[in-house]
Amino acid sequence: MNESRKYARGLKKVHWTTKASASSALLLLAAATACAPGTGAPPADARQAQPSAAGAVDVPATPQVALLPRERVAGKLANPRGLFMRPDGSLLVSIAGTGDPADPTTGGIVRLRDENHDGDMDDEGERKWILEQQLSRNLFDLVRRDEVFGMAGMSQGGQSGDDLLVALAFFGGPSKIFRIDGERATQWGETHGNVNDLDYDARRKAWVGVASTTDELIELLPGGKSQRIAKFAPLESGQDAVPSNVHYDAKTGDMLVTLFSGSPEGEEGGEGVELIPRAASIVSVHAESHDYKPVVTGLTVPTDLEIGPDGAIYVLEFCDQFLDPVSTREQMFGGTLHGGFRRFSGRLLRVDRVTHAVSVVAQGLDAPTNLVLANGYLYIAEGMGTPGRSIPGPDGKPVELQGFIERIKLP
């Protein structure tokens, strides 16, 4: 793909008028408008105490390291997010965009395919856009970190099992849901709240999503409405329990949700570098009862999860520390900076739900946000932030920030 296209053509100006609430997620924030509760959902003010973690797997401070083989398969992507592997070997990627206010519609959906079988998807003719000119924004002015949001989670499901939906988390307005059908994308729905991720509940035959600005798991209803399934209580540290990812668990029939944790002073409070390590978790939500319970605790900034063939949970951790806060584009391009979170400090954990063993299978990841399991590999989207700016590399030396995809071979 010619980089001069900057992931969009014929761009239009977009005016943003609404600011995010203090409970906004670190990743892909949007819509301060609350999700509308529907029949059967708990009352709007119901917010139970944090449930007991008895029986949950607790991630130790220094888990065993058992690294798996890993390789980069695609680069020079402007904030890759949701991933889906088609049977023909092509990889669909939702692109959040550059976050450049002068070029606000740089997001979309791209298809990648290794046409010449050289092991990567970076060559001429190996990228095709299915959807372009979607909104993209950087929230550095609100949260003092280099965070770009726009196109987000992607998942397959539905009555036939073939519906492929992708979320666009609007900022200051409703989220859109797109349906991908072959080589085209059409709007499937629209709902209040920030639908940062979505998945199909095969037990209840319903699409669900996580709304990070309202700390809720919601059901996506026909006609663009939504209904609350669960409202997540604050973490023990007092932080908002911000859901970042949802995944159907075929083992239990419940929904697994990563509860993200960041600053105890809220996303717009403090200095932008506060972080409580090991304060986050994965919870299992029973949609009919609206109850939830911790499954994995002791996580730091979890962003996505997958379930392996043996039932083990693979979970991404975004970073281990917040560093070098920024609040202007001039600051971001003023030197070699982490830009709010420590670069190349993310990792991928394997959590055995039977033995409770936890191991690090990948480390040194650069701000990983999404992953998908396909054909014995885990594909990871990395490189959150402003493309082209200088950041500290894995060895501390300056490198140019870019979005990329790596894959890890499972045993």
Protein backbone atom coordinates (compact mmCIF):
# COMPACT_ATOMS: atom_id res chain seq x y z
CA MET A 1 0.00 0.00 0.00
CA ASN A 2 1.32 3.42 -0.95
CA GLU A 3 1.87 5.29 2.32
CA SER A 4 1.05 8.60 0.64
CA ARG A 5 -2.61 7.57 0.71
CA LYS A 6 -2.49 7.88 4.51
CA TYR A 7 -5.28 5.30 4.67
CA ALA A 8 -7.96 7.57 3.21
CA ARG A 9 -8.91 9.61 0.17
CA GLY A 10 -11.25 12.57 -0.27
CA LEU A 11 -11.26 13.28 3.44
CA LYS A 12 -13.75 15.60 5.08
CA LYS A 13 -13.55 17.74 8.21
CA VAL A 14 -15.26 16.44 11.33
CA HIS A 15 -15.99 18.53 14.42
CA TRP A 16 -15.83 16.88 17.85
CA THR A 17 -17.87 18.49 20.61
CA THR A 18 -18.16 16.07 23.53
CA LYS A 19 -15.44 15.14 26.03
CA ALA A 20 -14.98 11.69 27.55
CA SER A 21 -15.94 10.91 31.13
CA ALA A 22 -13.39 9.98 33.77
CA SER A 23 -14.26 6.31 33.32
CA SER A 24 -13.06 6.27 29.70
CA ALA A 25 -10.96 3.23 28.78
CA LEU A 26 -7.25 3.56 28.03
CA LEU A 27 -7.99 2.03 24.66
CA LEU A 28 -10.39 3.23 22.02
CA LEU A 29 -12.49 5.54 24.14
CA ALA A 30 -15.78 6.89 22.92
CA ALA A 31 -19.31 8.17 23.52
CA ALA A 32 -19.91 9.63 26.94
CA THR A 33 -23.59 8.89 26.31
CA ALA A 34 -24.75 6.06 28.57
CA CYS A 35 -26.15 2.81 27.23
CA ALA A 36 -29.92 2.68 27.64
CA PRO A 37 -30.98 -0.10 30.02
CA GLY A 38 -33.79 -2.33 28.81
CA THR A 39 -36.29 -4.75 30.27
CA GLY A 40 -34.64 -7.39 32.41
CA ALA A 41 -31.50 -5.35 33.07
CA PRO A 42 -30.62 -4.31 36.63
CA PRO A 43 -31.70 -0.79 37.70
CA ALA A 44 -29.59 2.08 36.40
CA ASP A 45 -28.14 2.78 39.84
CA ALA A 46 -27.46 -0.87 40.72
CA ARG A 47 -23.72 -1.31 41.21
CA GLN A 48 -22.87 -4.32 43.32
CA ALA A 49 -19.73 -4.71 45.37
CA GLN A 50 -16.74 -6.30 43.70
CA PRO A 51 -17.46 -10.08 43.80
CA SER A 52 -15.24 -12.53 45.64
CA ALA A 53 -12.19 -13.80 43.76
CA ALA A 54 -12.32 -17.20 45.46
CA GLY A 55 -11.38 -19.91 42.98
CA ALA A 56 -9.91 -17.49 40.43
CA VAL A 57 -6.43 -17.92 38.97
CA ASP A 58 -4.16 -15.24 40.42
CA VAL A 59 -1.29 -14.17 38.16
CA PRO A 60 1.93 -14.15 40.23
CA ALA A 61 4.18 -11.09 40.26
CA THR A 62 6.87 -13.09 38.42
CA PRO A 63 5.24 -15.88 36.40
CA GLN A 64 7.22 -18.57 34.64
CA VAL A 65 8.61 -17.56 31.24
CA ALA A 66 8.06 -20.06 28.42
CA LEU A 67 8.40 -18.05 25.21
CA LEU A 68 6.91 -19.37 21.98
CA PRO A 69 8.23 -18.75 18.43
CA ARG A 70 7.07 -15.39 17.04
CA GLU A 71 7.43 -13.47 13.78
CA ARG A 72 6.21 -10.22 12.24
CA VAL A 73 3.83 -10.72 9.31
CA ALA A 74 2.62 -7.19 8.50
CA GLY A 75 3.81 -3.64 9.20
CA LYS A 76 3.16 0.03 8.46
CA LEU A 77 -0.45 -0.13 9.64
CA ALA A 78 -2.08 2.89 11.25
CA ASN A 79 -3.22 1.43 14.57
CA PRO A 80 -4.43 -2.11 13.75
CA ARG A 81 -7.17 -3.41 16.05
CA GLY A 82 -9.69 -6.21 15.49
CA LEU A 83 -8.49 -9.27 13.55
CA PHE A 84 -10.21 -12.10 11.68
CA MET A 85 -8.69 -14.90 9.59
CA ARG A 86 -10.71 -16.08 6.60
CA PRO A 87 -10.62 -19.69 5.35
CA ASP A 88 -8.66 -18.56 2.27
CA GLY A 89 -5.80 -17.34 4.48
CA SER A 90 -6.55 -13.63 4.16
CA LEU A 91 -6.46 -11.59 7.36
CA LEU A 92 -9.04 -8.86 7.92
CA VAL A 93 -7.87 -5.99 10.12
CA SER A 94 -9.83 -3.05 11.49
CA ILE A 95 -7.68 0.08 11.27
CA ALA A 96 -8.23 2.78 13.90
CA GLY A 97 -6.31 5.32 11.79
CA THR A 98 -3.64 7.94 12.39
CA GLY A 99 -5.53 10.09 14.91
CA ASP A 100 -4.35 13.21 13.04
CA PRO A 101 -6.87 16.06 13.60
CA ALA A 102 -5.96 17.49 10.19
CA ASP A 103 -6.88 14.18 8.56
CA PRO A 104 -9.74 12.81 10.72
CA THR A 105 -11.12 9.96 8.60
CA THR A 106 -8.16 7.60 8.22
CA GLY A 107 -9.75 4.47 9.70
CA GLY A 108 -11.28 1.47 7.94
CA ILE A 109 -11.03 -2.26 7.29
CA VAL A 110 -8.24 -3.78 5.22
CA ARG A 111 -7.73 -7.30 3.85
CA LEU A 112 -4.18 -8.68 3.97
CA ARG A 113 -3.04 -11.78 2.08
CA ASP A 114 0.39 -13.29 1.44
CA GLU A 115 0.04 -13.57 -2.33
CA ASN A 116 3.68 -14.41 -3.08
CA HIS A 117 4.06 -16.80 -0.11
CA ASP A 118 7.14 -15.05 1.29
CA GLY A 119 5.87 -15.11 4.87
CA ASP A 120 4.59 -11.52 5.12
CA MET A 121 1.71 -9.39 3.83
CA ASP A 122 3.63 -6.18 3.10
CA ASP A 123 4.22 -6.46 -0.64
CA GLU A 124 2.54 -4.78 -3.60
CA GLY A 125 -0.94 -6.13 -4.22
CA GLU A 126 -1.24 -7.84 -0.83
CA ARG A 127 -3.55 -5.20 0.73
CA LYS A 128 -7.07 -4.30 -0.28
CA TRP A 129 -9.39 -1.85 1.47
CA ILE A 130 -12.92 -3.06 2.21
CA LEU A 131 -13.96 0.08 4.10
CA GLU A 132 -12.26 3.49 4.18
CA GLN A 133 -12.70 7.06 5.43
CA GLN A 134 -13.84 6.18 8.95
CA LEU A 135 -13.35 8.44 11.95
CA SER A 136 -10.10 8.38 13.90
CA ARG A 137 -9.07 10.44 16.92
CA ASN A 138 -6.16 10.74 19.33
CA LEU A 139 -7.13 11.47 22.97
CA PHE A 140 -3.81 12.92 24.15
CA ASP A 141 -5.53 16.20 25.08
CA LEU A 142 -7.85 14.36 27.50
CA VAL A 143 -5.75 11.57 28.99
CA ARG A 144 -2.19 12.84 28.40
CA ARG A 145 -1.22 9.66 26.56
CA ASP A 146 -0.75 8.95 22.86
CA GLU A 147 -3.97 6.94 22.36
CA VAL A 148 -5.72 6.57 19.02
CA PHE A 149 -9.22 5.15 18.70
CA GLY A 150 -11.73 4.48 15.93
CA MET A 151 -12.40 1.09 14.31
CA ALA A 152 -12.24 -1.54 17.02
CA GLY A 153 -13.19 -5.16 17.79
CA MET A 154 -14.23 -7.74 15.19
CA SER A 155 -16.06 -11.05 15.65
CA GLN A 156 -17.96 -13.75 13.75
CA GLY A 157 -21.25 -15.32 14.83
CA GLY A 158 -24.99 -15.00 14.36
CA GLN A 159 -27.68 -17.60 13.71
CA SER A 160 -25.81 -18.96 10.67
CA GLY A 161 -22.41 -18.49 12.29
CA ASP A 162 -21.22 -16.51 9.29
CA ASP A 163 -22.02 -12.92 10.27
CA LEU A 164 -18.84 -10.89 10.69
CA LEU A 165 -19.33 -7.68 12.67
CA VAL A 166 -16.90 -4.83 13.39
CA ALA A 167 -17.35 -2.00 15.89
CA LEU A 168 -16.56 1.66 15.28
CA ALA A 169 -16.33 3.33 18.70
CA PHE A 170 -17.44 6.91 18.16
CA PHE A 171 -16.22 9.68 20.43
CA GLY A 172 -19.00 12.05 21.42
CA GLY A 173 -21.71 10.08 19.65
CA PRO A 174 -23.21 6.59 19.16
CA SER A 175 -21.09 3.64 18.13
CA LYS A 176 -21.63 2.08 14.72
CA ILE A 177 -21.55 -1.64 13.93
CA PHE A 178 -20.57 -2.76 10.43
CA ARG A 179 -21.23 -6.12 8.80
CA ILE A 180 -18.60 -7.46 6.38
CA ASP A 181 -20.00 -9.47 3.48
CA GLY A 182 -17.32 -10.60 1.09
CA GLU A 183 -15.52 -7.51 -0.19
CA ARG A 184 -17.94 -4.91 1.11
CA ALA A 185 -18.97 -3.50 4.49
CA THR A 186 -22.43 -2.15 5.32
CA GLN A 187 -23.81 -0.65 8.52
CA TRP A 188 -25.52 -3.30 10.68
CA GLY A 189 -26.56 -1.13 13.60
CA GLU A 190 -25.89 1.85 15.82
CA THR A 191 -26.10 2.15 19.59
CA HIS A 192 -25.35 4.48 22.46
CA GLY A 193 -22.17 3.94 24.46
CA ASN A 194 -18.67 2.99 23.42
CA VAL A 195 -18.84 -0.49 21.91
CA ASN A 196 -15.13 -1.17 22.05
CA ASP A 197 -15.54 -4.90 21.38
CA LEU A 198 -18.31 -7.37 20.58
CA ASP A 199 -18.96 -11.10 20.32
CA TYR A 200 -21.81 -13.53 19.72
CA ASP A 201 -23.40 -15.25 22.72
CA ALA A 202 -24.09 -18.69 21.22
CA ARG A 203 -26.07 -19.85 24.26
CA ARG A 204 -28.54 -16.97 24.19
CA LYS A 205 -28.23 -16.37 20.43
CA ALA A 206 -27.54 -12.68 20.87
CA TRP A 207 -24.81 -10.19 20.01
CA VAL A 208 -23.21 -8.52 23.02
CA GLY A 209 -20.66 -5.74 23.42
CA VAL A 210 -18.64 -3.95 26.07
CA ALA A 211 -19.19 -0.23 26.64
CA SER A 212 -16.04 1.15 28.22
CA THR A 213 -17.36 4.62 29.03
CA THR A 214 -20.21 3.18 31.14
CA ASP A 215 -18.43 0.08 32.52
CA GLU A 216 -21.09 -2.27 31.14
CA LEU A 217 -21.67 -5.46 29.22
CA ILE A 218 -24.62 -4.84 26.90
CA GLU A 219 -26.83 -6.78 24.50
CA LEU A 220 -27.10 -5.28 21.02
CA LEU A 221 -30.77 -5.21 20.04
CA PRO A 222 -32.46 -4.86 16.63
CA GLY A 223 -33.06 -1.30 15.53
CA GLY A 224 -29.88 0.04 17.06
CA LYS A 225 -30.85 -0.12 20.71
CA SER A 226 -29.03 -1.86 23.54
CA GLN A 227 -29.82 -3.42 26.91
CA ARG A 228 -27.57 -3.68 29.93
CA ILE A 229 -26.50 -7.18 30.98
CA ALA A 230 -24.04 -6.27 33.74
CA LYS A 231 -22.70 -3.12 35.39
CA PHE A 232 -19.18 -3.63 36.73
CA ALA A 233 -18.38 -2.48 40.25
CA PRO A 234 -15.24 -0.43 40.98
CA LEU A 235 -12.05 -2.41 41.58
CA GLU A 236 -10.70 -2.85 45.09
CA SER A 237 -8.25 -0.03 44.40
CA GLY A 238 -11.17 2.30 43.68
CA GLN A 239 -10.51 2.37 39.94
CA ASP A 240 -13.34 2.06 37.46
CA ALA A 241 -13.59 -1.50 36.17
CA VAL A 242 -13.43 -0.64 32.48
CA PRO A 243 -14.32 -3.51 30.11
CA SER A 244 -12.06 -3.68 27.07
CA ASN A 245 -12.85 -7.07 25.48
CA VAL A 246 -15.61 -9.69 25.50
CA HIS A 247 -15.29 -13.32 24.43
CA TYR A 248 -17.85 -16.14 24.46
CA ASP A 249 -16.68 -19.09 26.56
CA ALA A 250 -17.96 -22.32 24.99
CA LYS A 251 -16.80 -24.23 28.08
CA THR A 252 -19.29 -22.50 30.40
CA GLY A 253 -21.69 -20.69 28.08
CA ASP A 254 -20.85 -17.41 29.83
CA MET A 255 -19.11 -14.31 28.52
CA LEU A 256 -15.50 -13.59 29.52
CA VAL A 257 -14.73 -9.89 29.92
CA THR A 258 -11.36 -8.22 30.51
CA LEU A 259 -11.70 -5.47 33.12
CA PHE A 260 -9.08 -2.89 32.37
CA SER A 261 -7.47 -0.81 35.11
CA GLY A 262 -5.54 2.44 34.76
CA SER A 263 -5.22 5.49 36.96
CA PRO A 264 -7.06 5.50 40.31
CA GLU A 265 -7.74 9.20 39.68
CA GLY A 266 -9.67 8.57 36.47
CA GLU A 267 -8.53 9.03 32.90
CA GLU A 268 -8.73 12.82 33.11
CA GLY A 269 -7.34 13.08 36.66
CA GLY A 270 -3.82 12.99 38.04
CA GLU A 271 -0.76 13.39 35.85
CA GLY A 272 -1.56 10.65 33.37
CA VAL A 273 1.13 8.29 34.66
CA GLU A 274 -0.62 6.69 37.65
CA LEU A 275 -1.01 2.94 37.33
CA ILE A 276 -1.76 0.23 39.89
CA PRO A 277 -0.05 -2.98 38.71
CA ARG A 278 -1.90 -6.30 38.99
CA ALA A 279 -5.22 -4.57 39.79
CA ALA A 280 -7.16 -5.82 36.75
CA SER A 281 -8.94 -9.09 36.00
CA ILE A 282 -10.95 -11.28 33.66
CA VAL A 283 -14.50 -11.97 34.82
CA SER A 284 -17.13 -14.47 33.71
CA VAL A 285 -20.60 -12.97 33.22
CA HIS A 286 -23.81 -15.01 33.40
CA ALA A 287 -26.15 -13.04 31.13
CA GLU A 288 -29.45 -14.33 32.55
CA SER A 289 -28.67 -13.59 36.20
CA HIS A 290 -26.54 -10.49 35.48
CA ASP A 291 -23.98 -11.87 37.95
CA TYR A 292 -20.27 -12.07 37.33
CA LYS A 293 -17.23 -13.53 39.07
CA PRO A 294 -13.45 -13.22 38.63
CA VAL A 295 -11.77 -15.95 36.60
CA VAL A 296 -8.25 -14.47 36.42
CA THR A 297 -6.89 -11.80 38.80
CA GLY A 298 -3.55 -10.02 39.19
CA LEU A 299 -3.47 -8.67 35.62
CA THR A 300 -1.99 -5.34 34.53
CA VAL A 301 -3.84 -3.50 31.75
CA PRO A 302 -5.44 -6.51 29.97
CA THR A 303 -6.73 -5.66 26.50
CA ASP A 304 -7.83 -8.88 24.77
CA LEU A 305 -8.11 -12.62 25.27
CA GLU A 306 -8.46 -15.85 23.32
CA ILE A 307 -9.25 -19.40 24.38
CA GLY A 308 -6.88 -22.12 23.20
CA PRO A 309 -7.91 -25.57 21.93
CA ASP A 310 -7.18 -27.01 25.39
CA GLY A 311 -9.32 -24.41 27.18
CA ALA A 312 -6.40 -22.29 28.38
CA ILE A 313 -6.87 -18.52 28.32
CA TYR A 314 -4.38 -16.38 26.43
CA VAL A 315 -4.53 -12.76 27.60
CA LEU A 316 -2.71 -9.65 26.39
CA GLU A 317 -1.28 -7.09 28.81
CA PHE A 318 -0.86 -3.68 27.19
CA CYS A 319 2.09 -2.30 29.18
CA ASP A 320 3.62 -2.44 32.66
CA GLN A 321 4.11 1.28 33.38
CA PHE A 322 2.91 4.77 32.35
CA LEU A 323 5.76 7.08 31.28
CA ASP A 324 6.36 10.45 29.56
CA PRO A 325 2.83 11.92 29.51
CA VAL A 326 2.00 14.19 26.57
CA SER A 327 -0.85 16.63 25.99
CA THR A 328 0.00 18.20 22.61
CA ARG A 329 1.16 17.00 19.21
CA GLU A 330 4.19 19.25 19.57
CA GLN A 331 5.20 17.29 22.67
CA MET A 332 4.70 13.97 20.90
CA PHE A 333 7.04 14.99 18.09
CA GLY A 334 9.44 16.91 20.34
CA GLY A 335 11.79 14.01 20.99
CA THR A 336 12.01 10.29 21.63
CA LEU A 337 9.22 9.67 24.15
CA HIS A 338 7.17 6.78 25.48
CA GLY A 339 4.16 9.08 25.17
CA GLY A 340 2.22 7.95 28.22
CA PHE A 341 2.94 4.24 28.46
CA ARG A 342 6.16 2.25 28.40
CA ARG A 343 6.82 1.03 24.88
CA PHE A 344 7.65 -2.64 24.24
CA SER A 345 6.59 -3.67 27.75
CA GLY A 346 3.46 -5.63 26.81
CA ARG A 347 3.21 -9.38 27.07
CA LEU A 348 1.01 -12.40 26.36
CA LEU A 349 0.14 -14.79 29.18
CA ARG A 350 -1.13 -18.35 29.08
CA VAL A 351 -3.47 -19.19 31.97
CA ASP A 352 -4.31 -22.85 32.64
CA ARG A 353 -7.76 -22.90 34.23
CA VAL A 354 -7.32 -26.45 35.53
CA THR A 355 -3.87 -26.34 37.14
CA HIS A 356 -3.84 -22.54 37.68
CA ALA A 357 -0.37 -22.40 36.11
CA VAL A 358 0.50 -19.06 34.47
CA SER A 359 3.31 -18.53 31.98
CA VAL A 360 4.59 -15.68 29.80
CA VAL A 361 4.58 -16.90 26.20
CA ALA A 362 5.54 -13.56 24.60
CA GLN A 363 7.13 -10.43 26.03
CA GLY A 364 8.46 -7.13 24.77
CA LEU A 365 5.26 -6.49 22.80
CA ASP A 366 4.63 -2.87 21.77
CA ALA A 367 1.26 -1.74 23.15
CA PRO A 368 -0.69 -4.82 21.99
CA THR A 369 -4.43 -4.30 21.69
CA ASN A 370 -6.07 -7.25 19.92
CA LEU A 371 -5.45 -10.89 19.06
CA VAL A 372 -7.10 -13.76 17.24
CA LEU A 373 -6.48 -17.51 17.18
CA ALA A 374 -6.34 -19.06 13.70
CA ASN A 375 -4.75 -22.18 12.21
CA GLY A 376 -2.57 -22.85 15.26
CA TYR A 377 -1.28 -19.28 15.50
CA LEU A 378 -2.14 -16.30 17.67
CA TYR A 379 -2.07 -13.08 15.64
CA ILE A 380 -1.39 -9.91 17.68
CA ALA A 381 -2.09 -6.30 16.68
CA GLU A 382 0.55 -3.91 18.10
CA GLY A 383 1.82 -0.34 17.86
CA MET A 384 -0.85 1.91 19.43
CA GLY A 385 -0.12 5.59 18.89
CA THR A 386 0.83 8.28 16.38
CA PRO A 387 2.53 6.70 13.34
CA GLY A 388 5.94 8.11 12.49
CA ARG A 389 6.90 9.63 15.83
CA SER A 390 10.09 8.58 17.63
CA ILE A 391 9.76 6.13 20.53
CA PRO A 392 12.26 4.12 22.63
CA GLY A 393 12.77 0.76 20.95
CA PRO A 394 13.21 -2.64 22.64
CA ASP A 395 16.85 -1.79 23.38
CA GLY A 396 16.11 1.82 24.33
CA LYS A 397 17.38 3.24 21.03
CA PRO A 398 14.98 5.43 19.00
CA VAL A 399 12.70 3.73 16.49
CA GLU A 400 9.80 5.02 14.42
CA LEU A 401 6.37 4.14 15.79
CA GLN A 402 4.32 1.98 13.45
CA GLY A 403 1.44 -0.43 13.76
CA PHE A 404 2.21 -4.05 12.95
CA ILE A 405 1.01 -7.63 13.35
CA GLU A 406 2.97 -10.53 14.79
CA ARG A 407 2.02 -14.17 15.02
CA ILE A 408 2.92 -16.75 17.63
CA LYS A 409 2.98 -20.48 16.95
CA LEU A 410 1.13 -22.50 19.58
CA PRO A 411 2.61 -25.85 20.67
